[in-house]
Amino acid sequence: MAKNQWYPFCFFTPLLFLFLFGASLFLRGYSLMIVPLFSFVLVPLIDKLIGRDTDNFTEDCYKKLERNPFYNWLLIFLFCGILGSLYSSLYVFTNYKFSFYEALGLIFSLGLVTGGMGITLAHELGHRKEKRYHFMAKVLLVHVGYGHFFVEHNKGHHRHVSTKKDPASSRFGESLYSFLPRTLIGSYKSAFQLGFFDKNRKVLWKNQTLILTLVTLFIGILFAFLGGEKGLTLFFTQSMLAVLFLEIINYVEHYGLERKMNPSGRFEKVRPHHSWNSDYLFSNALLINLQRHSDHHAFAERPYQNLRTYEEAPQLPWGYPTMMILALFPPLWERTVHPLLPDRFEKS
């Protein structure tokens, strides 16, 4: 079967992920470990079994993919599914008894839904031109306390990626644990500076970052109103995990890669070799091609279904789920990644 025939079916994988979460929420007990085990055990195994997708389509085929409404409808369906998962969790968590370990399983699984999938979806929606998609992106982000990501990612990260000006690009030799406080604080500061609607008249209440932060506070109050202390706990903990998953992925995506300064004093144009790439078919389908990050940064306007692979892009040895685990152990991370750094970026 030709690739253009089976390719659309790959993107039903996120729906499988949401189905597994829904099933675990209904069954409870040990079933609440289904989503973490699927994400960090089964996905890497399937990746190695199926392998990489290193083929690009023809330009004519990419034009057809971009016009195909299926890929936009899928995003809308995922948006509804993620919000539905969050509010269903709120209802179940506040109306049924959970043991400590069941609560941990639910919160960890929900963080994977709202962070691993929800923020990934918000990232894709935030790059679209249509304002309705921007609204959907912001709705997802304020539900994990990270509304400022919409501002900083598009206006800051994509401009300064793989330079020391970017708080979301990890540096050579920087551990995840050094990166996290730098990016969490630096990204919000950057988003606040970039968030003014009028750059010439910086009025506090006309700052998009501040507005999104206040909306997040409102969502937290809503969860407390609907679910009391348990509702507020669920909102706070799933938000923390969602943000943690995002920032670990950020750490992986640009580690040790740098753009050079031109004689003019400007950084070189963003190219595919300034971001780590991973072509594993299954995890890419699950994350709506987020792992084709090299092409995304070189051509940010391309929708997820049109992202390409490049020979010159540095390749990760695994998909994001495995690389996230490796990032938790700095010596193991360096032993795995440093030999793969392109020669032009290696440092003594």
C-alpha atoms as a PDB file:
ATOM      1  CA  MET A   1       0.000   0.000   0.000  1.00  0.00           C
ATOM      2  CA  ALA A   2       1.328   3.444  -0.946  1.00  0.00           C
ATOM      3  CA  LYS A   3       2.171   5.823   1.889  1.00  0.00           C
ATOM      4  CA  ASN A   4      -0.475   8.371   0.899  1.00  0.00           C
ATOM      5  CA  GLN A   5      -3.121   5.659   1.411  1.00  0.00           C
ATOM      6  CA  TRP A   6      -2.189   4.636   4.979  1.00  0.00           C
ATOM      7  CA  TYR A   7      -0.779   7.954   6.199  1.00  0.00           C
ATOM      8  CA  PRO A   8      -4.098   9.511   7.402  1.00  0.00           C
ATOM      9  CA  PHE A   9      -4.866   6.458   9.553  1.00  0.00           C
ATOM     10  CA  CYS A  10      -1.676   7.027  11.572  1.00  0.00           C
ATOM     11  CA  PHE A  11      -3.225  10.064  13.193  1.00  0.00           C
ATOM     12  CA  PHE A  12      -5.967   8.033  14.817  1.00  0.00           C
ATOM     13  CA  THR A  13      -3.269   7.078  17.334  1.00  0.00           C
ATOM     14  CA  PRO A  14      -4.000  10.090  19.605  1.00  0.00           C
ATOM     15  CA  LEU A  15      -7.639   8.980  19.692  1.00  0.00           C
ATOM     16  CA  LEU A  16      -6.465   5.562  20.904  1.00  0.00           C
ATOM     17  CA  PHE A  17      -4.540   7.362  23.643  1.00  0.00           C
ATOM     18  CA  LEU A  18      -7.673   9.220  24.764  1.00  0.00           C
ATOM     19  CA  PHE A  19      -9.694   5.999  24.631  1.00  0.00           C
ATOM     20  CA  LEU A  20      -7.169   4.278  26.907  1.00  0.00           C
ATOM     21  CA  PHE A  21      -7.396   7.154  29.352  1.00  0.00           C
ATOM     22  CA  GLY A  22     -11.195   7.045  29.318  1.00  0.00           C
ATOM     23  CA  ALA A  23     -11.173   3.283  29.894  1.00  0.00           C
ATOM     24  CA  SER A  24      -8.749   3.597  32.806  1.00  0.00           C
ATOM     25  CA  LEU A  25     -10.869   6.354  34.356  1.00  0.00           C
ATOM     26  CA  PHE A  26     -13.959   4.139  34.115  1.00  0.00           C
ATOM     27  CA  LEU A  27     -12.279   0.981  35.453  1.00  0.00           C
ATOM     28  CA  ARG A  28     -10.041   2.691  38.045  1.00  0.00           C
ATOM     29  CA  GLY A  29      -7.794   0.565  40.257  1.00  0.00           C
ATOM     30  CA  TYR A  30      -4.659  -0.751  38.561  1.00  0.00           C
ATOM     31  CA  SER A  31      -6.140   0.319  35.226  1.00  0.00           C
ATOM     32  CA  LEU A  32      -5.039   3.869  36.014  1.00  0.00           C
ATOM     33  CA  MET A  33      -1.500   2.785  35.158  1.00  0.00           C
ATOM     34  CA  ILE A  34      -2.484   1.957  31.564  1.00  0.00           C
ATOM     35  CA  VAL A  35      -1.653   5.401  30.138  1.00  0.00           C
ATOM     36  CA  PRO A  36       1.816   5.743  31.767  1.00  0.00           C
ATOM     37  CA  LEU A  37       2.729   2.183  30.764  1.00  0.00           C
ATOM     38  CA  PHE A  38       1.480   2.784  27.231  1.00  0.00           C
ATOM     39  CA  SER A  39       3.438   6.040  26.965  1.00  0.00           C
ATOM     40  CA  PHE A  40       6.787   4.996  28.404  1.00  0.00           C
ATOM     41  CA  VAL A  41       6.912   1.236  27.781  1.00  0.00           C
ATOM     42  CA  LEU A  42       4.677   0.233  24.885  1.00  0.00           C
ATOM     43  CA  VAL A  43       5.274   3.270  22.643  1.00  0.00           C
ATOM     44  CA  PRO A  44       9.103   2.838  22.626  1.00  0.00           C
ATOM     45  CA  LEU A  45       8.696  -0.875  21.901  1.00  0.00           C
ATOM     46  CA  ILE A  46       6.285  -0.218  19.019  1.00  0.00           C
ATOM     47  CA  ASP A  47       8.659   2.462  17.720  1.00  0.00           C
ATOM     48  CA  LYS A  48      11.484  -0.042  17.490  1.00  0.00           C
ATOM     49  CA  LEU A  49       9.190  -2.674  16.005  1.00  0.00           C
ATOM     50  CA  ILE A  50       7.688  -0.451  13.274  1.00  0.00           C
ATOM     51  CA  GLY A  51      10.780   1.685  12.784  1.00  0.00           C
ATOM     52  CA  ARG A  52      11.326   5.110  11.247  1.00  0.00           C
ATOM     53  CA  ASP A  53       9.450   6.859   8.463  1.00  0.00           C
ATOM     54  CA  THR A  54      12.197   8.523   6.432  1.00  0.00           C
ATOM     55  CA  ASP A  55      10.254   9.107   3.215  1.00  0.00           C
ATOM     56  CA  ASN A  56       8.899  12.474   2.138  1.00  0.00           C
ATOM     57  CA  PHE A  57       5.932  13.001  -0.165  1.00  0.00           C
ATOM     58  CA  THR A  58       6.075  14.815  -3.486  1.00  0.00           C
ATOM     59  CA  GLU A  59       5.198  18.517  -3.500  1.00  0.00           C
ATOM     60  CA  ASP A  60       1.888  17.784  -5.246  1.00  0.00           C
ATOM     61  CA  CYS A  61       0.982  15.327  -2.525  1.00  0.00           C
ATOM     62  CA  TYR A  62       1.816  17.858   0.192  1.00  0.00           C
ATOM     63  CA  LYS A  63      -0.540  20.362  -1.448  1.00  0.00           C
ATOM     64  CA  LYS A  64      -3.336  17.783  -1.317  1.00  0.00           C
ATOM     65  CA  LEU A  65      -2.562  16.995   2.325  1.00  0.00           C
ATOM     66  CA  GLU A  66      -2.763  20.667   3.246  1.00  0.00           C
ATOM     67  CA  ARG A  67      -6.182  21.015   1.594  1.00  0.00           C
ATOM     68  CA  ASN A  68      -7.589  17.841   3.168  1.00  0.00           C
ATOM     69  CA  PRO A  69     -10.116  18.890   5.874  1.00  0.00           C
ATOM     70  CA  PHE A  70      -9.606  15.600   7.751  1.00  0.00           C
ATOM     71  CA  TYR A  71      -6.460  16.893   9.430  1.00  0.00           C
ATOM     72  CA  ASN A  72      -8.197  20.007  10.754  1.00  0.00           C
ATOM     73  CA  TRP A  73     -11.235  18.092  11.972  1.00  0.00           C
ATOM     74  CA  LEU A  74      -8.955  15.708  13.814  1.00  0.00           C
ATOM     75  CA  LEU A  75      -7.493  18.632  15.773  1.00  0.00           C
ATOM     76  CA  ILE A  76     -10.980  19.812  16.734  1.00  0.00           C
ATOM     77  CA  PHE A  77     -11.952  16.312  17.833  1.00  0.00           C
ATOM     78  CA  LEU A  78      -8.789  16.015  19.934  1.00  0.00           C
ATOM     79  CA  PHE A  79      -9.484  19.413  21.491  1.00  0.00           C
ATOM     80  CA  CYS A  80     -12.915  18.237  22.620  1.00  0.00           C
ATOM     81  CA  GLY A  81     -11.523  14.899  23.797  1.00  0.00           C
ATOM     82  CA  ILE A  82      -8.798  16.477  25.928  1.00  0.00           C
ATOM     83  CA  LEU A  83     -11.140  18.939  27.626  1.00  0.00           C
ATOM     84  CA  GLY A  84     -13.666  16.143  28.069  1.00  0.00           C
ATOM     85  CA  SER A  85     -10.992  13.991  29.714  1.00  0.00           C
ATOM     86  CA  LEU A  86     -10.071  16.797  32.106  1.00  0.00           C
ATOM     87  CA  TYR A  87     -13.600  17.597  33.253  1.00  0.00           C
ATOM     88  CA  SER A  88     -14.561  13.914  33.398  1.00  0.00           C
ATOM     89  CA  SER A  89     -11.582  13.399  35.682  1.00  0.00           C
ATOM     90  CA  LEU A  90     -12.764  16.258  37.871  1.00  0.00           C
ATOM     91  CA  TYR A  91     -16.190  14.637  38.220  1.00  0.00           C
ATOM     92  CA  VAL A  92     -14.871  11.146  38.936  1.00  0.00           C
ATOM     93  CA  PHE A  93     -12.101  12.298  41.286  1.00  0.00           C
ATOM     94  CA  THR A  94     -14.442  14.399  43.411  1.00  0.00           C
ATOM     95  CA  ASN A  95     -17.386  11.972  43.494  1.00  0.00           C
ATOM     96  CA  TYR A  96     -15.672   8.614  44.053  1.00  0.00           C
ATOM     97  CA  LYS A  97     -13.223   7.340  46.627  1.00  0.00           C
ATOM     98  CA  PHE A  98      -9.643   6.924  45.459  1.00  0.00           C
ATOM     99  CA  SER A  99      -6.781   5.295  47.290  1.00  0.00           C
ATOM    100  CA  PHE A 100      -3.529   7.254  47.419  1.00  0.00           C
ATOM    101  CA  TYR A 101      -2.030   5.127  44.636  1.00  0.00           C
ATOM    102  CA  GLU A 102      -5.156   5.382  42.496  1.00  0.00           C
ATOM    103  CA  ALA A 103      -5.034   9.167  42.862  1.00  0.00           C
ATOM    104  CA  LEU A 104      -1.375   9.180  41.811  1.00  0.00           C
ATOM    105  CA  GLY A 105      -2.201   7.050  38.774  1.00  0.00           C
ATOM    106  CA  LEU A 106      -5.073   9.303  37.753  1.00  0.00           C
ATOM    107  CA  ILE A 107      -3.127  12.540  38.163  1.00  0.00           C
ATOM    108  CA  PHE A 108      -0.064  11.205  36.342  1.00  0.00           C
ATOM    109  CA  SER A 109      -2.228   9.902  33.491  1.00  0.00           C
ATOM    110  CA  LEU A 110      -4.176  13.144  33.289  1.00  0.00           C
ATOM    111  CA  GLY A 111      -0.928  15.124  33.154  1.00  0.00           C
ATOM    112  CA  LEU A 112       0.080  13.064  30.133  1.00  0.00           C
ATOM    113  CA  VAL A 113      -3.265  13.860  28.496  1.00  0.00           C
ATOM    114  CA  THR A 114      -3.277  17.605  29.207  1.00  0.00           C
ATOM    115  CA  GLY A 115       0.481  18.062  28.833  1.00  0.00           C
ATOM    116  CA  GLY A 116       1.899  15.433  26.515  1.00  0.00           C
ATOM    117  CA  MET A 117      -1.098  15.671  24.218  1.00  0.00           C
ATOM    118  CA  GLY A 118      -2.912  18.859  25.222  1.00  0.00           C
ATOM    119  CA  ILE A 119       0.037  21.243  25.036  1.00  0.00           C
ATOM    120  CA  THR A 120       1.234  19.500  21.877  1.00  0.00           C
ATOM    121  CA  LEU A 121      -2.163  20.183  20.327  1.00  0.00           C
ATOM    122  CA  ALA A 122      -2.119  23.784  21.590  1.00  0.00           C
ATOM    123  CA  HIS A 123       1.305  24.188  20.005  1.00  0.00           C
ATOM    124  CA  GLU A 124      -0.049  23.074  16.633  1.00  0.00           C
ATOM    125  CA  LEU A 125      -3.177  25.225  16.910  1.00  0.00           C
ATOM    126  CA  GLY A 126      -1.157  28.256  17.958  1.00  0.00           C
ATOM    127  CA  HIS A 127       0.796  28.168  14.702  1.00  0.00           C
ATOM    128  CA  ARG A 128      -2.330  28.326  12.550  1.00  0.00           C
ATOM    129  CA  LYS A 129      -3.401  31.601  10.941  1.00  0.00           C
ATOM    130  CA  GLU A 130      -7.074  31.395  11.907  1.00  0.00           C
ATOM    131  CA  LYS A 131      -8.075  33.103  15.160  1.00  0.00           C
ATOM    132  CA  ARG A 132     -10.472  30.306  16.084  1.00  0.00           C
ATOM    133  CA  TYR A 133      -7.522  27.942  16.360  1.00  0.00           C
ATOM    134  CA  HIS A 134      -5.642  30.493  18.470  1.00  0.00           C
ATOM    135  CA  PHE A 135      -8.620  30.614  20.818  1.00  0.00           C
ATOM    136  CA  MET A 136      -8.627  26.824  21.127  1.00  0.00           C
ATOM    137  CA  ALA A 137      -4.891  26.842  21.856  1.00  0.00           C
ATOM    138  CA  LYS A 138      -5.348  29.383  24.648  1.00  0.00           C
ATOM    139  CA  VAL A 139      -8.229  27.402  26.158  1.00  0.00           C
ATOM    140  CA  LEU A 140      -6.029  24.315  26.423  1.00  0.00           C
ATOM    141  CA  LEU A 141      -3.085  26.258  27.833  1.00  0.00           C
ATOM    142  CA  VAL A 142      -4.978  28.114  30.574  1.00  0.00           C
ATOM    143  CA  HIS A 143      -6.257  24.733  31.789  1.00  0.00           C
ATOM    144  CA  VAL A 144      -2.670  23.777  32.638  1.00  0.00           C
ATOM    145  CA  GLY A 145      -1.579  27.171  33.959  1.00  0.00           C
ATOM    146  CA  TYR A 146       0.636  27.894  30.966  1.00  0.00           C
ATOM    147  CA  GLY A 147      -1.233  30.449  28.883  1.00  0.00           C
ATOM    148  CA  HIS A 148       1.911  32.527  28.415  1.00  0.00           C
ATOM    149  CA  PHE A 149       3.327  29.707  26.250  1.00  0.00           C
ATOM    150  CA  PHE A 150       1.116  30.976  23.414  1.00  0.00           C
ATOM    151  CA  VAL A 151       2.853  34.355  23.530  1.00  0.00           C
ATOM    152  CA  GLU A 152       6.439  33.350  24.227  1.00  0.00           C
ATOM    153  CA  HIS A 153       6.607  30.361  21.908  1.00  0.00           C
ATOM    154  CA  ASN A 154       5.508  32.177  18.764  1.00  0.00           C
ATOM    155  CA  LYS A 155       7.094  35.573  19.403  1.00  0.00           C
ATOM    156  CA  GLY A 156      10.163  34.575  21.409  1.00  0.00           C
ATOM    157  CA  HIS A 157      11.180  30.939  21.068  1.00  0.00           C
ATOM    158  CA  HIS A 158      10.910  30.756  17.284  1.00  0.00           C
ATOM    159  CA  ARG A 159      12.912  33.949  16.926  1.00  0.00           C
ATOM    160  CA  HIS A 160      15.702  33.118  19.362  1.00  0.00           C
ATOM    161  CA  VAL A 161      15.758  29.304  19.184  1.00  0.00           C
ATOM    162  CA  SER A 162      19.168  27.671  19.658  1.00  0.00           C
ATOM    163  CA  THR A 163      20.723  30.878  20.979  1.00  0.00           C
ATOM    164  CA  LYS A 164      21.481  32.016  24.521  1.00  0.00           C
ATOM    165  CA  LYS A 165      18.662  34.535  24.200  1.00  0.00           C
ATOM    166  CA  ASP A 166      16.129  31.708  24.251  1.00  0.00           C
ATOM    167  CA  PRO A 167      15.122  30.452  27.717  1.00  0.00           C
ATOM    168  CA  ALA A 168      13.515  27.376  26.129  1.00  0.00           C
ATOM    169  CA  SER A 169      16.678  26.098  24.376  1.00  0.00           C
ATOM    170  CA  SER A 170      18.875  23.854  26.529  1.00  0.00           C
ATOM    171  CA  ARG A 171      22.625  24.384  26.317  1.00  0.00           C
ATOM    172  CA  PHE A 172      25.509  21.967  25.917  1.00  0.00           C
ATOM    173  CA  GLY A 173      26.369  20.447  29.293  1.00  0.00           C
ATOM    174  CA  GLU A 174      23.263  21.869  30.986  1.00  0.00           C
ATOM    175  CA  SER A 175      21.356  19.279  33.006  1.00  0.00           C
ATOM    176  CA  LEU A 176      17.583  19.102  32.964  1.00  0.00           C
ATOM    177  CA  TYR A 177      17.570  20.244  36.591  1.00  0.00           C
ATOM    178  CA  SER A 178      19.492  23.409  35.732  1.00  0.00           C
ATOM    179  CA  PHE A 179      17.372  24.001  32.654  1.00  0.00           C
ATOM    180  CA  LEU A 180      13.982  23.790  34.389  1.00  0.00           C
ATOM    181  CA  PRO A 181      14.240  26.857  36.676  1.00  0.00           C
ATOM    182  CA  ARG A 182      15.905  28.863  33.904  1.00  0.00           C
ATOM    183  CA  THR A 183      13.188  28.119  31.364  1.00  0.00           C
ATOM    184  CA  LEU A 184      10.242  28.393  33.772  1.00  0.00           C
ATOM    185  CA  ILE A 185      11.283  31.833  35.014  1.00  0.00           C
ATOM    186  CA  GLY A 186      12.811  33.075  31.766  1.00  0.00           C
ATOM    187  CA  SER A 187       9.881  32.032  29.584  1.00  0.00           C
ATOM    188  CA  TYR A 188       7.350  33.868  31.737  1.00  0.00           C
ATOM    189  CA  LYS A 189       9.496  37.005  31.884  1.00  0.00           C
ATOM    190  CA  SER A 190       9.913  36.891  28.111  1.00  0.00           C
ATOM    191  CA  ALA A 191       6.186  36.294  27.582  1.00  0.00           C
ATOM    192  CA  PHE A 192       5.303  39.245  29.804  1.00  0.00           C
ATOM    193  CA  GLN A 193       7.616  41.555  27.868  1.00  0.00           C
ATOM    194  CA  LEU A 194       6.211  40.307  24.556  1.00  0.00           C
ATOM    195  CA  GLY A 195       2.591  40.268  25.698  1.00  0.00           C
ATOM    196  CA  PHE A 196       1.708  43.960  25.396  1.00  0.00           C
ATOM    197  CA  PHE A 197      -0.865  44.595  22.667  1.00  0.00           C
ATOM    198  CA  ASP A 198       0.636  48.054  22.067  1.00  0.00           C
ATOM    199  CA  LYS A 199       4.429  48.023  22.178  1.00  0.00           C
ATOM    200  CA  ASN A 200       4.563  51.815  22.362  1.00  0.00           C
ATOM    201  CA  ARG A 201       2.100  52.139  25.266  1.00  0.00           C
ATOM    202  CA  LYS A 202       2.819  49.332  27.721  1.00  0.00           C
ATOM    203  CA  VAL A 203      -0.355  49.420  29.776  1.00  0.00           C
ATOM    204  CA  LEU A 204      -0.438  46.660  32.381  1.00  0.00           C
ATOM    205  CA  TRP A 205      -4.029  45.573  31.791  1.00  0.00           C
ATOM    206  CA  LYS A 206      -3.407  45.406  28.037  1.00  0.00           C
ATOM    207  CA  ASN A 207      -0.936  42.563  28.350  1.00  0.00           C
ATOM    208  CA  GLN A 208      -1.996  39.228  26.867  1.00  0.00           C
ATOM    209  CA  THR A 209       0.246  37.252  29.225  1.00  0.00           C
ATOM    210  CA  LEU A 210      -1.317  38.879  32.278  1.00  0.00           C
ATOM    211  CA  ILE A 211      -4.827  38.286  30.931  1.00  0.00           C
ATOM    212  CA  LEU A 212      -4.109  34.595  30.298  1.00  0.00           C
ATOM    213  CA  THR A 213      -2.640  34.274  33.795  1.00  0.00           C
ATOM    214  CA  LEU A 214      -5.807  35.748  35.296  1.00  0.00           C
ATOM    215  CA  VAL A 215      -7.933  33.341  33.249  1.00  0.00           C
ATOM    216  CA  THR A 216      -5.877  30.467  34.674  1.00  0.00           C
ATOM    217  CA  LEU A 217      -6.636  31.729  38.190  1.00  0.00           C
ATOM    218  CA  PHE A 218     -10.323  31.783  37.267  1.00  0.00           C
ATOM    219  CA  ILE A 219     -10.113  28.174  36.032  1.00  0.00           C
ATOM    220  CA  GLY A 220      -8.488  27.186  39.331  1.00  0.00           C
ATOM    221  CA  ILE A 221     -11.317  28.874  41.246  1.00  0.00           C
ATOM    222  CA  LEU A 222     -13.837  27.081  39.012  1.00  0.00           C
ATOM    223  CA  PHE A 223     -12.266  23.705  39.833  1.00  0.00           C
ATOM    224  CA  ALA A 224     -12.363  24.579  43.536  1.00  0.00           C
ATOM    225  CA  PHE A 225     -16.028  25.593  43.223  1.00  0.00           C
ATOM    226  CA  LEU A 226     -16.966  22.408  41.368  1.00  0.00           C
ATOM    227  CA  GLY A 227     -14.817  19.971  43.323  1.00  0.00           C
ATOM    228  CA  GLY A 228     -13.747  21.661  46.525  1.00  0.00           C
ATOM    229  CA  GLU A 229     -10.295  20.871  47.874  1.00  0.00           C
ATOM    230  CA  LYS A 230     -10.036  17.753  45.703  1.00  0.00           C
ATOM    231  CA  GLY A 231     -10.922  19.749  42.604  1.00  0.00           C
ATOM    232  CA  LEU A 232      -8.272  22.352  43.331  1.00  0.00           C
ATOM    233  CA  THR A 233      -5.715  19.626  44.063  1.00  0.00           C
ATOM    234  CA  LEU A 234      -6.489  17.956  40.741  1.00  0.00           C
ATOM    235  CA  PHE A 235      -6.140  21.213  38.818  1.00  0.00           C
ATOM    236  CA  PHE A 236      -2.866  22.170  40.485  1.00  0.00           C
ATOM    237  CA  THR A 237      -1.167  18.763  40.249  1.00  0.00           C
ATOM    238  CA  GLN A 238      -2.165  17.946  36.669  1.00  0.00           C
ATOM    239  CA  SER A 239      -1.005  21.431  35.650  1.00  0.00           C
ATOM    240  CA  MET A 240       2.370  20.898  37.303  1.00  0.00           C
ATOM    241  CA  LEU A 241       2.836  17.571  35.539  1.00  0.00           C
ATOM    242  CA  ALA A 242       1.648  18.913  32.180  1.00  0.00           C
ATOM    243  CA  VAL A 243       4.169  21.765  32.356  1.00  0.00           C
ATOM    244  CA  LEU A 244       6.912  19.399  33.507  1.00  0.00           C
ATOM    245  CA  PHE A 245       6.309  17.090  30.538  1.00  0.00           C
ATOM    246  CA  LEU A 246       6.377  20.070  28.169  1.00  0.00           C
ATOM    247  CA  GLU A 247       9.638  21.430  29.517  1.00  0.00           C
ATOM    248  CA  ILE A 248      11.358  18.050  29.458  1.00  0.00           C
ATOM    249  CA  ILE A 249      10.413  17.840  25.778  1.00  0.00           C
ATOM    250  CA  ASN A 250      11.740  21.378  25.273  1.00  0.00           C
ATOM    251  CA  TYR A 251      15.000  20.263  26.861  1.00  0.00           C
ATOM    252  CA  VAL A 252      15.254  17.369  24.403  1.00  0.00           C
ATOM    253  CA  GLU A 253      14.379  19.341  21.274  1.00  0.00           C
ATOM    254  CA  HIS A 254      17.355  21.724  21.069  1.00  0.00           C
ATOM    255  CA  TYR A 255      19.970  20.391  23.475  1.00  0.00           C
ATOM    256  CA  GLY A 256      23.500  21.514  22.603  1.00  0.00           C
ATOM    257  CA  LEU A 257      22.604  22.954  19.194  1.00  0.00           C
ATOM    258  CA  GLU A 258      23.595  26.547  18.459  1.00  0.00           C
ATOM    259  CA  ARG A 259      23.059  29.074  15.702  1.00  0.00           C
ATOM    260  CA  LYS A 260      26.197  30.956  14.761  1.00  0.00           C
ATOM    261  CA  MET A 261      26.532  34.727  14.724  1.00  0.00           C
ATOM    262  CA  ASN A 262      26.973  36.281  11.280  1.00  0.00           C
ATOM    263  CA  PRO A 263      29.546  39.045  10.622  1.00  0.00           C
ATOM    264  CA  SER A 264      26.577  41.434  10.551  1.00  0.00           C
ATOM    265  CA  GLY A 265      25.939  40.709  14.224  1.00  0.00           C
ATOM    266  CA  ARG A 266      22.793  38.691  13.572  1.00  0.00           C
ATOM    267  CA  PHE A 267      22.268  35.011  14.154  1.00  0.00           C
ATOM    268  CA  GLU A 268      22.166  32.751  11.117  1.00  0.00           C
ATOM    269  CA  LYS A 269      18.769  31.740   9.786  1.00  0.00           C
ATOM    270  CA  VAL A 270      17.094  28.796  11.505  1.00  0.00           C
ATOM    271  CA  ARG A 271      17.865  25.598   9.615  1.00  0.00           C
ATOM    272  CA  PRO A 272      16.861  21.951  10.111  1.00  0.00           C
ATOM    273  CA  HIS A 273      20.162  21.208  11.869  1.00  0.00           C
ATOM    274  CA  HIS A 274      19.257  23.575  14.721  1.00  0.00           C
ATOM    275  CA  SER A 275      16.678  21.157  16.185  1.00  0.00           C
ATOM    276  CA  TRP A 276      16.772  17.485  17.060  1.00  0.00           C
ATOM    277  CA  ASN A 277      14.620  15.276  14.867  1.00  0.00           C
ATOM    278  CA  SER A 278      13.051  11.863  15.390  1.00  0.00           C
ATOM    279  CA  ASP A 279      11.412   9.951  12.562  1.00  0.00           C
ATOM    280  CA  TYR A 280       9.892   7.082  14.542  1.00  0.00           C
ATOM    281  CA  LEU A 281       6.505   6.520  12.941  1.00  0.00           C
ATOM    282  CA  PHE A 282       4.365   5.519  15.916  1.00  0.00           C
ATOM    283  CA  SER A 283       5.420   8.161  18.437  1.00  0.00           C
ATOM    284  CA  ASN A 284       5.270  10.808  15.701  1.00  0.00           C
ATOM    285  CA  ALA A 285       1.686   9.842  14.926  1.00  0.00           C
ATOM    286  CA  LEU A 286       0.850   9.957  18.635  1.00  0.00           C
ATOM    287  CA  LEU A 287       2.327  13.463  18.962  1.00  0.00           C
ATOM    288  CA  ILE A 288       0.956  14.751  15.619  1.00  0.00           C
ATOM    289  CA  ASN A 289       4.455  14.928  14.127  1.00  0.00           C
ATOM    290  CA  LEU A 290       5.939  17.079  16.900  1.00  0.00           C
ATOM    291  CA  GLN A 291       9.125  15.013  16.656  1.00  0.00           C
ATOM    292  CA  ARG A 292       9.745  16.328  13.150  1.00  0.00           C
ATOM    293  CA  HIS A 293      10.897  19.394  14.980  1.00  0.00           C
ATOM    294  CA  SER A 294      13.693  20.265  12.591  1.00  0.00           C
ATOM    295  CA  ASP A 295      11.257  21.034   9.789  1.00  0.00           C
ATOM    296  CA  HIS A 296       8.851  22.747  12.158  1.00  0.00           C
ATOM    297  CA  HIS A 297      11.437  25.334  13.177  1.00  0.00           C
ATOM    298  CA  ALA A 298      12.783  25.812   9.678  1.00  0.00           C
ATOM    299  CA  PHE A 299       9.234  26.254   8.293  1.00  0.00           C
ATOM    300  CA  ALA A 300       6.937  27.090  11.213  1.00  0.00           C
ATOM    301  CA  GLU A 301       3.916  27.727   8.982  1.00  0.00           C
ATOM    302  CA  ARG A 302       3.700  24.106   7.812  1.00  0.00           C
ATOM    303  CA  PRO A 303       0.806  22.105   9.301  1.00  0.00           C
ATOM    304  CA  TYR A 304       1.664  18.904  11.135  1.00  0.00           C
ATOM    305  CA  GLN A 305       0.685  16.566   8.297  1.00  0.00           C
ATOM    306  CA  ASN A 306       3.131  18.301   5.933  1.00  0.00           C
ATOM    307  CA  LEU A 307       6.270  18.177   8.066  1.00  0.00           C
ATOM    308  CA  ARG A 308       9.258  16.630   6.304  1.00  0.00           C
ATOM    309  CA  THR A 309      12.446  14.873   7.334  1.00  0.00           C
ATOM    310  CA  TYR A 310      15.973  16.034   6.432  1.00  0.00           C
ATOM    311  CA  GLU A 311      19.229  14.143   6.181  1.00  0.00           C
ATOM    312  CA  GLU A 312      21.157  17.058   7.673  1.00  0.00           C
ATOM    313  CA  ALA A 313      18.983  17.201  10.803  1.00  0.00           C
ATOM    314  CA  PRO A 314      20.525  15.576  13.910  1.00  0.00           C
ATOM    315  CA  GLN A 315      18.599  12.414  14.742  1.00  0.00           C
ATOM    316  CA  LEU A 316      17.583  11.262  18.208  1.00  0.00           C
ATOM    317  CA  PRO A 317      18.145   7.543  18.854  1.00  0.00           C
ATOM    318  CA  TRP A 318      14.626   7.155  20.292  1.00  0.00           C
ATOM    319  CA  GLY A 319      11.287   8.926  20.266  1.00  0.00           C
ATOM    320  CA  TYR A 320      10.396  11.575  22.844  1.00  0.00           C
ATOM    321  CA  PRO A 321       9.024   9.215  25.541  1.00  0.00           C
ATOM    322  CA  THR A 322      12.357   7.408  25.895  1.00  0.00           C
ATOM    323  CA  MET A 323      14.417  10.584  25.552  1.00  0.00           C
ATOM    324  CA  MET A 324      12.369  12.164  28.344  1.00  0.00           C
ATOM    325  CA  ILE A 325      13.333   9.340  30.681  1.00  0.00           C
ATOM    326  CA  LEU A 326      17.002   9.613  29.694  1.00  0.00           C
ATOM    327  CA  ALA A 327      16.909  13.357  30.404  1.00  0.00           C
ATOM    328  CA  LEU A 328      16.091  12.596  34.048  1.00  0.00           C
ATOM    329  CA  PHE A 329      19.546  11.030  34.444  1.00  0.00           C
ATOM    330  CA  PRO A 330      22.187  13.565  33.285  1.00  0.00           C
ATOM    331  CA  PRO A 331      25.160  11.132  33.016  1.00  0.00           C
ATOM    332  CA  LEU A 332      23.086   8.716  30.946  1.00  0.00           C
ATOM    333  CA  TRP A 333      21.732  11.589  28.846  1.00  0.00           C
ATOM    334  CA  GLU A 334      25.208  12.921  28.045  1.00  0.00           C
ATOM    335  CA  ARG A 335      26.555   9.463  27.281  1.00  0.00           C
ATOM    336  CA  THR A 336      23.697   8.950  24.808  1.00  0.00           C
ATOM    337  CA  VAL A 337      23.413  12.378  23.172  1.00  0.00           C
ATOM    338  CA  HIS A 338      26.896  13.910  23.147  1.00  0.00           C
ATOM    339  CA  PRO A 339      28.322  11.438  20.598  1.00  0.00           C
ATOM    340  CA  LEU A 340      25.418  12.312  18.289  1.00  0.00           C
ATOM    341  CA  LEU A 341      25.992  16.067  18.294  1.00  0.00           C
ATOM    342  CA  PRO A 342      27.007  17.345  14.852  1.00  0.00           C
ATOM    343  CA  ASP A 343      30.761  18.034  14.695  1.00  0.00           C
ATOM    344  CA  ARG A 344      30.212  21.715  14.087  1.00  0.00           C
ATOM    345  CA  PHE A 345      28.473  22.014  17.451  1.00  0.00           C
ATOM    346  CA  GLU A 346      30.748  19.813  19.561  1.00  0.00           C
ATOM    347  CA  LYS A 347      32.577  21.534  22.375  1.00  0.00           C
ATOM    348  CA  SER A 348      35.560  20.423  24.373  1.00  0.00           C
END
